[in-house]
Amino acid sequence: MEHNDLKLLRDLLTGEKLLTLAVVVDDAPVAGVLPFRAETGLRSLLVHTSTLARHSRGLAPGARFSAAIHLPLAPGVDALQSQRVVLEGEVEAVPAEEREAIASAWVEAFPSAAMTVGLGDFLFHRLRVEGGRLISGFARAAALQPGHFAAAAALDA
């Protein structure tokens, strides 16, 4: 994978703040738009959801997910040129001993979340990324393997 593609992957995972998440609930597809944070190494993402949201029911440990992250589309830019990444993987539980540190970093990244991190109906979920596709423009797509995420994370900022 070219350096520019690795940089785009890193920038999408560390610079953007919203992802579109797709899960399965009661044998039906469900999507949600959620804030996220990439973890060190870019192999997992954290999301914080209310158990009242329908998509939260699809975030049980071991459940499969798909997620899309894209750069904002500038006025006058062809939508087919949209730079984006589509990720696939498995949901993991966040161990109790990690939750306080995760909550602190979450509020630092999303200050308005200070009111939700202490509520009992909000939970953190780890989305373990196994692969996906990076689309860097029209007819420019590449399959992503675990090593691509490590290489993107190792780039100098």
Protein backbone atom coordinates (compact mmCIF):
# COMPACT_ATOMS: atom_id res chain seq x y z
CA MET A 1 0.00 0.00 0.00
CA GLU A 2 1.30 3.45 -0.92
CA HIS A 3 2.34 5.98 1.71
CA ASN A 4 -0.49 8.36 0.74
CA ASP A 5 -3.05 5.59 1.25
CA LEU A 6 -1.63 4.74 4.67
CA LYS A 7 -1.74 8.43 5.58
CA LEU A 8 -5.37 8.64 4.44
CA LEU A 9 -6.23 5.58 6.54
CA ARG A 10 -4.54 7.12 9.59
CA ASP A 11 -6.23 10.48 9.02
CA LEU A 12 -9.68 8.92 8.68
CA LEU A 13 -9.25 6.91 11.88
CA THR A 14 -7.66 9.66 13.96
CA GLY A 15 -8.99 12.88 12.45
CA GLU A 16 -12.65 12.11 11.90
CA LYS A 17 -15.08 11.86 14.81
CA LEU A 18 -18.19 10.13 13.42
CA LEU A 19 -18.74 6.72 11.93
CA THR A 20 -21.74 5.01 10.45
CA LEU A 21 -22.15 1.67 12.20
CA ALA A 22 -24.09 -1.27 10.80
CA VAL A 23 -25.08 -4.25 12.94
CA VAL A 24 -27.76 -6.93 12.91
CA VAL A 25 -30.63 -6.81 15.42
CA ASP A 26 -33.39 -9.41 15.34
CA ASP A 27 -32.17 -10.67 11.95
CA ALA A 28 -32.48 -7.20 10.41
CA PRO A 29 -29.80 -4.63 9.50
CA VAL A 30 -29.65 -1.58 11.75
CA ALA A 31 -27.45 1.48 11.25
CA GLY A 32 -26.44 4.25 13.59
CA VAL A 33 -24.17 7.29 13.41
CA LEU A 34 -21.86 7.46 16.41
CA PRO A 35 -18.86 9.36 17.71
CA PHE A 36 -15.76 7.16 17.90
CA ARG A 37 -12.15 7.14 19.01
CA ALA A 38 -9.42 5.01 17.51
CA GLU A 39 -7.22 3.18 19.98
CA THR A 40 -3.44 2.95 19.80
CA GLY A 41 -2.36 0.84 16.84
CA LEU A 42 -5.59 1.66 14.96
CA ARG A 43 -6.83 -1.94 15.26
CA SER A 44 -9.83 -1.04 17.38
CA LEU A 45 -12.33 1.75 17.80
CA LEU A 46 -14.32 2.75 20.84
CA VAL A 47 -17.96 3.82 20.70
CA HIS A 48 -20.26 4.91 23.52
CA THR A 49 -23.92 4.04 23.13
CA SER A 50 -27.13 4.20 25.05
CA THR A 51 -28.75 0.84 25.68
CA LEU A 52 -31.99 2.59 24.65
CA ALA A 53 -30.70 2.96 21.07
CA ARG A 54 -31.74 0.12 18.76
CA HIS A 55 -28.24 -0.35 17.33
CA SER A 56 -26.89 -1.01 20.85
CA ARG A 57 -28.66 -4.36 20.86
CA GLY A 58 -26.36 -5.42 18.00
CA LEU A 59 -23.20 -4.66 19.99
CA ALA A 60 -22.99 -7.79 22.13
CA PRO A 61 -19.49 -9.27 22.50
CA GLY A 62 -18.76 -11.48 19.51
CA ALA A 63 -21.25 -9.71 17.24
CA ARG A 64 -20.08 -8.73 13.78
CA PHE A 65 -20.12 -5.10 12.62
CA SER A 66 -19.38 -2.99 9.60
CA ALA A 67 -18.57 0.70 9.82
CA ALA A 68 -17.89 3.51 7.38
CA ILE A 69 -15.89 6.68 7.96
CA HIS A 70 -15.51 9.36 5.32
CA LEU A 71 -14.05 12.77 4.84
CA PRO A 72 -16.59 15.59 4.51
CA LEU A 73 -17.61 16.14 0.90
CA ALA A 74 -16.49 19.60 -0.18
CA PRO A 75 -18.87 21.69 -2.27
CA GLY A 76 -18.45 20.94 -5.96
CA VAL A 77 -16.60 17.67 -5.40
CA ASP A 78 -17.93 14.58 -7.15
CA ALA A 79 -19.36 12.15 -4.59
CA LEU A 80 -17.59 9.30 -6.42
CA GLN A 81 -14.32 10.91 -5.33
CA SER A 82 -15.25 10.70 -1.64
CA GLN A 83 -12.34 9.34 0.39
CA ARG A 84 -13.54 6.75 2.88
CA VAL A 85 -12.85 3.55 4.69
CA VAL A 86 -15.25 0.68 5.28
CA LEU A 87 -14.27 -1.50 8.22
CA GLU A 88 -15.36 -4.96 9.34
CA GLY A 89 -14.77 -6.80 12.56
CA GLU A 90 -16.10 -8.06 15.84
CA VAL A 91 -17.43 -6.37 18.95
CA GLU A 92 -15.49 -6.91 22.19
CA ALA A 93 -16.49 -6.14 25.74
CA VAL A 94 -14.57 -3.37 27.48
CA PRO A 95 -13.12 -4.78 30.72
CA ALA A 96 -14.21 -2.99 33.88
CA GLU A 97 -10.63 -2.04 34.77
CA GLU A 98 -10.30 -0.02 31.53
CA ARG A 99 -13.55 1.93 31.74
CA GLU A 100 -12.39 4.81 33.93
CA ALA A 101 -9.40 5.64 31.71
CA ILE A 102 -11.53 5.25 28.58
CA ALA A 103 -14.23 7.52 30.03
CA SER A 104 -11.67 10.18 30.90
CA ALA A 105 -10.16 10.14 27.39
CA TRP A 106 -13.66 10.10 25.91
CA VAL A 107 -14.71 13.26 27.75
CA GLU A 108 -11.45 14.93 26.73
CA ALA A 109 -12.27 14.17 23.09
CA PHE A 110 -16.01 14.87 23.42
CA PRO A 111 -16.53 17.36 26.28
CA SER A 112 -20.34 17.29 26.00
CA ALA A 113 -20.20 13.56 26.81
CA ALA A 114 -19.40 14.43 30.44
CA MET A 115 -23.13 14.18 31.12
CA THR A 116 -23.50 10.70 29.58
CA VAL A 117 -20.42 8.77 30.74
CA GLY A 118 -21.84 8.46 34.24
CA LEU A 119 -25.30 7.38 33.19
CA GLY A 120 -26.09 3.72 33.73
CA ASP A 121 -27.67 3.21 30.32
CA PHE A 122 -24.53 4.22 28.38
CA LEU A 123 -21.83 1.67 27.66
CA PHE A 124 -18.49 1.63 25.89
CA HIS A 125 -17.96 -0.96 23.18
CA ARG A 126 -14.70 -1.91 21.48
CA LEU A 127 -14.92 -2.55 17.76
CA ARG A 128 -12.01 -4.85 16.91
CA VAL A 129 -11.12 -4.15 13.27
CA GLU A 130 -10.18 -7.20 11.21
CA GLY A 131 -10.06 -5.62 7.76
CA GLY A 132 -11.99 -3.58 5.27
CA ARG A 133 -11.57 -1.43 2.18
CA LEU A 134 -9.94 1.95 1.74
CA ILE A 135 -11.42 4.02 -1.06
CA SER A 136 -9.14 6.91 -1.91
CA GLY A 137 -11.11 8.07 -4.95
CA PHE A 138 -12.99 6.82 -7.97
CA ALA A 139 -11.63 3.39 -9.04
CA ARG A 140 -9.00 3.57 -6.27
CA ALA A 141 -9.86 0.96 -3.66
CA ALA A 142 -7.61 -1.34 -1.66
CA ALA A 143 -8.35 -4.28 0.62
CA LEU A 144 -7.13 -3.70 4.17
CA GLN A 145 -5.29 -6.31 6.21
CA PRO A 146 -4.15 -6.04 9.85
CA GLY A 147 -0.65 -4.96 8.80
CA HIS A 148 -2.02 -1.89 7.04
CA PHE A 149 -3.43 -0.54 10.30
CA ALA A 150 -0.10 -1.06 12.07
CA ALA A 151 1.76 0.67 9.22
CA ALA A 152 -0.69 3.60 9.27
CA ALA A 153 -0.32 3.94 13.04
CA ALA A 154 3.48 3.99 12.73
CA LEU A 155 3.51 6.96 10.34
CA ASP A 156 4.91 10.24 11.60
CA ALA A 157 2.14 12.81 12.10
